[in-house]
Amino acid sequence: MRADLEVADIFRAAGPAYRAAHARHLGLTQLKVMSAIEHCRTTALGGHVEACEDCGQWRIAYNSCRNRHCPKCQGAAARAWLAEREADLLPVGYFHVVFTLPAEVADIAFQNKALVYDLLFKAASETMLTIAADPRHLGARIGITAVLHTWGSAMTHHPHVHMIVPGGGIAPDGSRWISSRPAFLLPVRVLGKLFRRLFLARLIALHDAGRLAFFGSMAYLAERRAFLHHLAPVGKKRWVVYAKAPFGGPEAVLAYLSRYTHRVSLSNRRLINFDESGVTFRYKDYRRNGTDRQQVMTLATDEFIRRFLLHVLPRGFHRIRHYGLLAGSTRKNRIARARELLCVAPPPDDDAQDEPDEFRPSCPCCGGRMIVIEAFERWRQPRAPPDTTTANPENHP
C-alpha cells in the first residue's frame, strides 16, 4: 500500500533546487541515489501490466530502482535475503549485540566512511570472536551476522553495528556444541575494553599510513599530535557495548532481521507532512521512556535532504557481513556440523524446487494471483488497455 507521503515526493519537489545550491558538496553516489529515488516506480524506469488470473483485473506496475537507499525497494530485497538465511538458523537462543562508535570517532568516520566503517566491522567482529574463543568465557567458535547502521532515529550521524549471534558455538576441536548461559553470552565490559583497544590502535595506524583525510573544521587532525590529542579522551572513557537477552526462537530472529537488515535511515511511513515550512516526521527519543519516547520533528527541507544523504554508503561497500561459523565458502559445512552436534535434522533440500516468482501484491479485487501480460520500456506507457484474455488460461485452446 502506497504511503500518502514519500521521500521520493520530497526529492522530486525540492531535489533540483538542492542539487543546484549544493553542487560543489554532492558526490556522484549521492546524486545517483537522489535520481534513483525520484524515478523509482515511474515511467522513467519502464514497467509492465499485470492481470489477475481469476477475475482479469489489471493494473500498471512501474519498475523499481533497486537502490539500497530507496525506502520503497527494500521489502523485496529483505524477503530474498531472509529466504537465503533461513537455512542457517539453529535451534538455540540468539543474542542481539550492538557496537557503537563514540561521537569523537564518528566525526572522523564521516569524512572517511569506507575506511572507518570497515574498521568498525573488523574490530567489532574480532572482539566477539576473540572473547568467545577464550576458555575463561565461552571457549567456542561462534557465528555472527553483522549489519551496519549509520543513523540515529532523527537521521543524525550515529554509526553502529548490530550483531545477531547464536547462544553458543563449536568447541575448538569440533567435538561438541558449547552453549552459553540462558540469558548471558559474553561480558559487555570485557567486550568494550577490547573493542576500544583494537579500534583505536588500527585507527592510529591508518593515520600514520596517511590513509585518512580531513577537511573543513577537522583539517587540523591531519597533524599527528593533534590527532592523538583528539583521541586521548576517547581512550580513557568506557566504550559501551549493548547486549540484549536472547530471542524467543528462530522465527523471532527472522522477524527481527527483516526489520534491520535492509532498513534505510528513514522509512516513508514515518513521514507526516511536507510543505513550505519543511518536513515533519516521527522519531524516537531514546532518552525518554514509555509513550514520551515517540516524538515529532520538523526540519527545513534542505536540512532533511542533507541528513538523508549523510547515510549514503560508499559505492560497493557491504553493509551486511558474516563472521565465524557463518563466514566464507565453508559456511554450509560448519552449519551442518553445528546441527549434527545439536542433534537436529538438517532442513529439507529445496534445491530441486522451482525458483519463486518475484513478489507481487495479490489482486485488489479478488485476491488472486497477478501475472505479467505486457512490458513497456523507459519513459513509455501502454498504448491501449491490455487484452486481459491472455491472463485467464480458460481463454486459451
Protein backbone atom coordinates (compact mmCIF):
# COMPACT_ATOMS: atom_id res chain seq x y z
CA MET A 1 0.00 0.00 0.00
CA ARG A 2 1.41 3.37 -1.02
CA ALA A 3 2.12 5.89 1.75
CA ASP A 4 0.42 9.26 1.46
CA LEU A 5 3.83 10.97 1.52
CA GLU A 6 7.14 9.54 0.34
CA VAL A 7 10.77 10.57 0.38
CA ALA A 8 10.51 10.49 -3.41
CA ASP A 9 7.87 13.25 -3.32
CA ILE A 10 10.24 15.46 -1.33
CA PHE A 11 13.16 14.76 -3.64
CA ARG A 12 11.10 15.49 -6.76
CA ALA A 13 9.84 18.79 -5.37
CA ALA A 14 12.99 20.08 -3.68
CA GLY A 15 15.76 17.98 -5.25
CA PRO A 16 16.57 20.21 -8.25
CA ALA A 17 17.00 23.30 -6.07
CA TYR A 18 19.04 21.34 -3.53
CA ARG A 19 21.39 19.99 -6.22
CA ALA A 20 21.88 23.49 -7.63
CA ALA A 21 22.59 25.01 -4.21
CA HIS A 22 24.98 22.27 -3.08
CA ALA A 23 26.57 21.23 -6.37
CA ARG A 24 30.11 21.58 -5.01
CA HIS A 25 29.42 19.37 -1.99
CA LEU A 26 27.47 16.47 -3.50
CA GLY A 27 29.29 13.37 -4.67
CA LEU A 28 28.33 11.24 -7.66
CA THR A 29 27.00 8.46 -5.43
CA GLN A 30 24.67 10.87 -3.61
CA LEU A 31 23.44 12.31 -6.91
CA LYS A 32 22.71 8.81 -8.19
CA VAL A 33 20.75 7.98 -5.04
CA MET A 34 18.63 11.11 -5.40
CA SER A 35 17.94 10.34 -9.05
CA ALA A 36 17.08 6.70 -8.33
CA ILE A 37 14.61 7.59 -5.58
CA GLU A 38 12.98 10.32 -7.71
CA HIS A 39 12.47 7.94 -10.65
CA CYS A 40 11.59 4.80 -8.69
CA ARG A 41 8.32 3.26 -9.90
CA THR A 42 7.67 5.94 -12.51
CA THR A 43 7.59 5.89 -16.31
CA ALA A 44 11.29 6.82 -16.27
CA LEU A 45 12.17 3.20 -15.46
CA GLY A 46 9.54 1.48 -17.60
CA GLY A 47 7.26 -1.19 -16.28
CA HIS A 48 4.70 -3.84 -17.04
CA VAL A 49 0.99 -4.57 -16.97
CA GLU A 50 -0.25 -7.20 -14.52
CA ALA A 51 -3.57 -9.01 -14.75
CA CYS A 52 -5.36 -11.32 -12.34
CA GLU A 53 -5.56 -14.96 -13.42
CA ASP A 54 -9.02 -15.27 -11.83
CA CYS A 55 -11.02 -12.11 -12.50
CA GLY A 56 -8.99 -10.33 -15.19
CA GLN A 57 -8.50 -7.17 -13.10
CA TRP A 58 -5.41 -5.35 -14.42
CA ARG A 59 -3.04 -2.66 -13.25
CA ILE A 60 0.13 -0.90 -14.35
CA ALA A 61 3.24 -1.53 -12.26
CA TYR A 62 6.34 0.59 -12.82
CA ASN A 63 9.81 -0.82 -12.28
CA SER A 64 11.75 -0.27 -9.06
CA CYS A 65 15.10 1.49 -8.95
CA ARG A 66 16.51 -1.27 -6.68
CA ASN A 67 18.81 1.22 -5.00
CA ARG A 68 19.70 0.05 -1.50
CA HIS A 69 19.00 3.53 -0.08
CA CYS A 70 15.48 3.74 -1.52
CA PRO A 71 12.70 3.35 1.09
CA LYS A 72 10.42 1.61 -1.43
CA CYS A 73 12.86 -1.03 -2.70
CA GLN A 74 13.96 -2.82 0.45
CA GLY A 75 10.97 -5.06 1.09
CA ALA A 76 11.66 -7.45 -1.80
CA ALA A 77 15.41 -7.39 -1.12
CA ALA A 78 14.80 -8.26 2.54
CA ARG A 79 12.49 -11.14 1.65
CA ALA A 80 15.03 -12.64 -0.75
CA TRP A 81 17.86 -12.26 1.75
CA LEU A 82 15.86 -13.80 4.58
CA ALA A 83 14.93 -16.80 2.44
CA GLU A 84 18.64 -17.45 1.91
CA ARG A 85 19.47 -17.06 5.60
CA GLU A 86 16.66 -19.24 6.94
CA ALA A 87 18.69 -22.41 6.37
CA ASP A 88 21.46 -21.01 8.60
CA LEU A 89 19.28 -20.66 11.70
CA LEU A 90 19.98 -23.03 14.57
CA PRO A 91 17.51 -24.12 17.29
CA VAL A 92 19.20 -22.07 20.01
CA GLY A 93 18.64 -18.68 21.59
CA TYR A 94 20.01 -15.73 19.63
CA PHE A 95 21.53 -12.61 21.16
CA HIS A 96 21.48 -9.05 19.84
CA VAL A 97 24.76 -7.19 20.38
CA VAL A 98 25.47 -3.58 19.36
CA PHE A 99 28.88 -1.88 18.99
CA THR A 100 28.72 1.93 18.76
CA LEU A 101 31.42 4.48 17.93
CA PRO A 102 31.86 7.44 20.31
CA ALA A 103 30.98 10.88 18.91
CA GLU A 104 34.63 11.91 18.57
CA VAL A 105 35.34 8.91 16.36
CA ALA A 106 32.05 9.23 14.47
CA ASP A 107 33.22 12.67 13.28
CA ILE A 108 36.33 11.05 11.80
CA ALA A 109 34.21 8.29 10.26
CA PHE A 110 32.01 10.82 8.47
CA GLN A 111 34.96 12.10 6.43
CA ASN A 112 36.45 8.62 5.93
CA LYS A 113 33.39 6.41 5.54
CA ALA A 114 34.78 3.39 3.68
CA LEU A 115 37.89 3.03 5.86
CA VAL A 116 36.35 3.68 9.28
CA TYR A 117 33.11 1.78 8.70
CA ASP A 118 35.20 -1.19 7.53
CA LEU A 119 37.35 -0.84 10.64
CA LEU A 120 34.21 -0.80 12.79
CA PHE A 121 33.14 -4.14 11.29
CA LYS A 122 36.57 -5.70 11.71
CA ALA A 123 37.23 -4.51 15.26
CA ALA A 124 33.75 -5.46 16.49
CA SER A 125 33.79 -8.92 14.90
CA GLU A 126 37.33 -9.68 16.07
CA THR A 127 36.34 -8.61 19.57
CA MET A 128 33.40 -11.00 19.62
CA LEU A 129 35.32 -13.93 18.14
CA THR A 130 38.32 -13.42 20.46
CA ILE A 131 36.35 -13.18 23.71
CA ALA A 132 34.05 -16.03 22.70
CA ALA A 133 37.06 -18.28 21.97
CA ASP A 134 38.61 -17.52 25.36
CA PRO A 135 38.17 -20.57 27.68
CA ARG A 136 37.51 -18.18 30.56
CA HIS A 137 34.31 -17.09 28.85
CA LEU A 138 32.63 -19.33 26.25
CA GLY A 139 35.58 -21.20 24.74
CA ALA A 140 33.93 -21.72 21.36
CA ARG A 141 33.87 -20.52 17.77
CA ILE A 142 30.67 -18.56 17.24
CA GLY A 143 28.81 -17.26 14.21
CA ILE A 144 27.91 -13.62 13.60
CA THR A 145 25.63 -11.75 11.22
CA ALA A 146 26.52 -8.04 11.38
CA VAL A 147 24.59 -5.10 9.92
CA LEU A 148 25.85 -1.52 9.72
CA HIS A 149 23.54 1.36 10.60
CA THR A 150 24.89 4.90 10.36
CA TRP A 151 21.91 6.85 11.71
CA GLY A 152 20.06 7.74 14.86
CA SER A 153 16.27 7.97 14.83
CA ALA A 154 16.42 11.67 13.88
CA MET A 155 18.76 10.84 10.94
CA THR A 156 21.82 12.24 12.70
CA HIS A 157 25.16 10.55 12.05
CA HIS A 158 25.44 7.70 14.56
CA PRO A 159 27.47 4.74 13.18
CA HIS A 160 26.96 1.41 14.93
CA VAL A 161 26.90 -2.29 14.11
CA HIS A 162 24.05 -4.63 15.04
CA MET A 163 25.03 -8.26 15.51
CA ILE A 164 22.84 -11.35 15.69
CA VAL A 165 24.75 -14.14 17.45
CA PRO A 166 23.69 -17.72 18.31
CA GLY A 167 23.85 -18.55 22.00
CA GLY A 168 26.82 -20.87 21.75
CA GLY A 169 29.41 -22.24 19.36
CA ILE A 170 31.51 -25.20 18.29
CA ALA A 171 34.39 -26.28 20.51
CA PRO A 172 37.90 -25.62 19.11
CA ASP A 173 38.41 -29.33 18.36
CA GLY A 174 34.98 -29.57 16.69
CA SER A 175 33.84 -32.31 19.05
CA ARG A 176 30.83 -30.67 20.73
CA TRP A 177 28.49 -27.71 20.85
CA ILE A 178 29.12 -25.35 23.77
CA SER A 179 26.00 -23.46 24.87
CA SER A 180 26.05 -20.07 26.50
CA ARG A 181 24.19 -19.39 29.71
CA PRO A 182 20.43 -18.89 29.15
CA ALA A 183 20.46 -15.07 29.42
CA PHE A 184 24.16 -14.29 29.13
CA LEU A 185 26.52 -14.53 26.17
CA LEU A 186 29.72 -12.59 26.89
CA PRO A 187 30.70 -9.88 29.44
CA VAL A 188 29.99 -6.48 27.88
CA ARG A 189 32.68 -4.64 29.87
CA VAL A 190 35.34 -7.03 28.58
CA LEU A 191 33.98 -6.63 25.06
CA GLY A 192 34.05 -2.83 25.37
CA LYS A 193 37.67 -2.73 26.53
CA LEU A 194 38.98 -4.97 23.76
CA PHE A 195 36.88 -3.21 21.12
CA ARG A 196 38.29 0.17 22.20
CA ARG A 197 41.87 -1.08 22.14
CA LEU A 198 41.60 -2.79 18.75
CA PHE A 199 39.75 0.06 17.09
CA LEU A 200 41.95 2.90 18.33
CA ALA A 201 45.22 1.07 17.58
CA ARG A 202 44.14 0.43 13.99
CA LEU A 203 42.69 3.92 13.54
CA ILE A 204 46.03 5.43 14.56
CA ALA A 205 47.78 3.03 12.18
CA LEU A 206 45.56 4.28 9.34
CA HIS A 207 46.51 7.86 10.23
CA ASP A 208 50.21 7.03 10.36
CA ALA A 209 49.92 5.43 6.92
CA GLY A 210 48.43 8.65 5.55
CA ARG A 211 45.16 6.98 4.58
CA LEU A 212 42.79 9.28 6.48
CA ALA A 213 41.60 12.58 5.00
CA PHE A 214 40.34 15.62 6.88
CA PHE A 215 38.50 18.68 5.60
CA GLY A 216 37.00 21.92 6.84
CA SER A 217 36.97 22.38 10.61
CA MET A 218 38.70 19.00 11.06
CA ALA A 219 41.65 19.71 8.75
CA TYR A 220 43.94 20.23 11.75
CA LEU A 221 43.65 16.50 12.58
CA ALA A 222 45.97 15.72 9.68
CA GLU A 223 48.81 16.57 12.09
CA ARG A 224 49.62 13.51 14.21
CA ARG A 225 49.93 15.30 17.55
CA ALA A 226 46.54 16.95 17.09
CA PHE A 227 45.02 13.63 16.07
CA LEU A 228 46.33 11.84 19.16
CA HIS A 229 45.18 14.74 21.36
CA HIS A 230 41.69 14.44 19.83
CA LEU A 231 41.57 10.71 20.63
CA ALA A 232 43.07 10.96 24.13
CA PRO A 233 39.73 11.43 25.98
CA VAL A 234 38.15 8.61 23.95
CA GLY A 235 40.86 6.21 25.03
CA LYS A 236 40.02 6.82 28.69
CA LYS A 237 36.24 6.58 28.56
CA ARG A 238 34.20 3.41 28.64
CA TRP A 239 33.01 2.18 25.24
CA VAL A 240 29.55 0.80 25.83
CA VAL A 241 28.62 -2.47 24.17
CA TYR A 242 24.93 -3.31 24.32
CA ALA A 243 23.77 -6.91 24.62
CA LYS A 244 20.13 -7.96 24.72
CA ALA A 245 18.65 -11.15 26.14
CA PRO A 246 18.09 -13.92 23.59
CA PHE A 247 15.14 -14.00 21.21
CA GLY A 248 12.32 -16.49 21.59
CA GLY A 249 13.42 -18.72 18.73
CA PRO A 250 14.40 -18.84 15.06
CA GLU A 251 11.10 -17.30 13.96
CA ALA A 252 11.69 -14.29 16.20
CA VAL A 253 15.20 -13.95 14.80
CA LEU A 254 13.88 -13.83 11.25
CA ALA A 255 11.26 -11.26 12.20
CA TYR A 256 13.94 -9.11 13.80
CA LEU A 257 16.34 -9.46 10.88
CA SER A 258 13.60 -8.49 8.43
CA ARG A 259 13.29 -5.17 10.25
CA TYR A 260 17.02 -4.45 10.47
CA THR A 261 18.99 -5.87 7.55
CA HIS A 262 17.59 -3.70 4.77
CA ARG A 263 16.43 -0.69 6.77
CA VAL A 264 17.18 2.81 5.46
CA SER A 265 17.68 5.97 7.51
CA LEU A 266 14.02 6.97 7.24
CA SER A 267 11.04 4.95 6.02
CA ASN A 268 8.09 6.51 4.23
CA ARG A 269 5.69 5.54 7.00
CA ARG A 270 7.45 7.90 9.42
CA LEU A 271 6.72 10.95 7.26
CA ILE A 272 3.83 13.14 8.42
CA ASN A 273 3.84 16.35 6.36
CA PHE A 274 5.78 18.30 3.74
CA ASP A 275 5.10 21.96 2.99
CA GLU A 276 6.87 25.33 2.79
CA SER A 277 7.81 25.13 6.49
CA GLY A 278 9.75 21.88 6.00
CA VAL A 279 9.37 18.13 6.52
CA THR A 280 7.67 16.72 9.60
CA PHE A 281 8.35 13.13 10.66
CA ARG A 282 8.18 10.81 13.66
CA TYR A 283 11.26 9.70 15.57
CA LYS A 284 12.18 8.02 18.84
CA ASP A 285 13.93 9.93 21.62
CA TYR A 286 15.76 7.15 23.47
CA ARG A 287 16.45 9.45 26.42
CA ARG A 288 12.73 9.23 27.27
CA ASN A 289 10.68 6.31 28.47
CA GLY A 290 7.22 4.99 27.70
CA THR A 291 4.89 6.90 25.41
CA ASP A 292 7.09 10.02 25.65
CA ARG A 293 9.71 8.23 23.54
CA GLN A 294 7.67 8.82 20.37
CA GLN A 295 8.33 12.38 19.23
CA VAL A 296 7.67 14.56 16.18
CA MET A 297 10.30 16.75 14.49
CA THR A 298 10.13 19.33 11.70
CA LEU A 299 13.26 20.08 9.66
CA ALA A 300 13.81 22.62 6.93
CA THR A 301 13.62 20.77 3.61
CA ASP A 302 17.30 21.34 2.79
CA GLU A 303 18.30 20.02 6.21
CA PHE A 304 16.06 16.98 5.79
CA ILE A 305 17.68 16.13 2.44
CA ARG A 306 21.15 16.75 3.89
CA ARG A 307 20.51 14.35 6.77
CA PHE A 308 19.10 11.69 4.46
CA LEU A 309 22.17 11.90 2.22
CA LEU A 310 24.52 11.64 5.22
CA HIS A 311 23.85 7.91 5.19
CA VAL A 312 24.62 7.13 1.56
CA LEU A 313 27.29 4.44 1.71
CA PRO A 314 30.40 4.38 -0.48
CA ARG A 315 29.99 2.53 -3.74
CA GLY A 316 30.49 -1.21 -3.36
CA PHE A 317 30.52 -1.11 0.44
CA HIS A 318 28.91 -4.21 2.02
CA ARG A 319 26.69 -3.27 4.95
CA ILE A 320 25.75 -6.88 5.83
CA ARG A 321 28.63 -9.20 6.71
CA HIS A 322 29.11 -12.66 8.23
CA TYR A 323 31.87 -13.90 10.51
CA GLY A 324 32.99 -17.05 12.30
CA LEU A 325 30.77 -20.06 11.58
CA LEU A 326 28.77 -18.04 9.05
CA ALA A 327 31.69 -16.72 7.00
CA GLY A 328 33.16 -17.90 3.75
CA SER A 329 32.57 -20.78 1.37
CA THR A 330 32.63 -23.38 4.16
CA ARG A 331 29.61 -21.84 5.93
CA LYS A 332 27.27 -24.68 4.91
CA ASN A 333 29.65 -27.31 6.24
CA ARG A 334 30.01 -25.50 9.56
CA ILE A 335 26.26 -25.08 9.93
CA ALA A 336 25.75 -28.75 9.09
CA ARG A 337 28.30 -29.69 11.76
CA ALA A 338 26.57 -27.47 14.32
CA ARG A 339 23.23 -29.14 13.55
CA GLU A 340 24.85 -32.54 13.93
CA LEU A 341 26.29 -31.60 17.32
CA LEU A 342 22.89 -30.23 18.40
CA CYS A 343 21.21 -33.47 17.21
CA VAL A 344 18.96 -31.52 14.84
CA ALA A 345 17.80 -32.82 11.48
CA PRO A 346 19.04 -30.79 8.50
CA PRO A 347 16.50 -28.56 6.74
CA PRO A 348 14.75 -30.08 3.71
CA ASP A 349 16.70 -29.88 0.47
CA ASP A 350 14.83 -27.37 -1.67
CA ASP A 351 17.37 -27.16 -4.49
CA ALA A 352 15.03 -29.03 -6.78
CA GLN A 353 12.14 -26.65 -6.18
CA ASP A 354 11.32 -24.04 -8.75
CA GLU A 355 12.58 -20.54 -8.16
CA PRO A 356 9.83 -18.46 -6.51
CA ASP A 357 8.20 -15.78 -8.61
CA GLU A 358 9.08 -12.20 -7.89
CA PHE A 359 6.80 -10.97 -5.14
CA ARG A 360 3.73 -9.13 -6.38
CA PRO A 361 0.77 -7.91 -4.32
CA SER A 362 -2.33 -10.00 -4.84
CA CYS A 363 -5.29 -8.84 -6.90
CA PRO A 364 -7.05 -5.90 -5.16
CA CYS A 365 -10.38 -7.15 -6.49
CA CYS A 366 -10.45 -10.86 -5.61
CA GLY A 367 -7.09 -11.61 -4.00
CA GLY A 368 -5.99 -13.76 -6.93
CA ARG A 369 -2.52 -14.19 -8.43
CA MET A 370 -1.29 -11.41 -10.69
CA ILE A 371 0.81 -12.26 -13.75
CA VAL A 372 2.69 -10.04 -16.22
CA ILE A 373 0.94 -9.77 -19.59
CA GLU A 374 2.78 -6.83 -21.14
CA ALA A 375 6.02 -4.91 -20.63
CA PHE A 376 6.92 -1.41 -21.76
CA GLU A 377 10.21 0.48 -21.99
CA ARG A 378 11.51 3.50 -20.11
CA TRP A 379 9.53 6.71 -20.47
CA ARG A 380 6.75 4.77 -22.22
CA GLN A 381 3.18 3.90 -21.30
CA PRO A 382 0.95 1.08 -22.61
CA ARG A 383 -0.61 2.35 -25.80
CA ALA A 384 -4.05 0.86 -25.02
CA PRO A 385 -5.82 -1.10 -22.27
CA PRO A 386 -4.34 -4.62 -22.19
CA ASP A 387 -6.01 -7.69 -23.58
CA THR A 388 -6.86 -9.39 -20.28
CA THR A 389 -7.99 -12.56 -22.03
CA THR A 390 -4.32 -13.60 -22.00
CA ALA A 391 -4.42 -13.69 -18.20
CA ASN A 392 -7.05 -16.43 -17.99
CA PRO A 393 -5.95 -19.93 -19.03
CA GLU A 394 -9.56 -20.86 -19.79
CA ASN A 395 -9.49 -18.47 -22.76
CA HIS A 396 -6.73 -20.43 -24.47
CA PRO A 397 -7.32 -23.50 -26.61
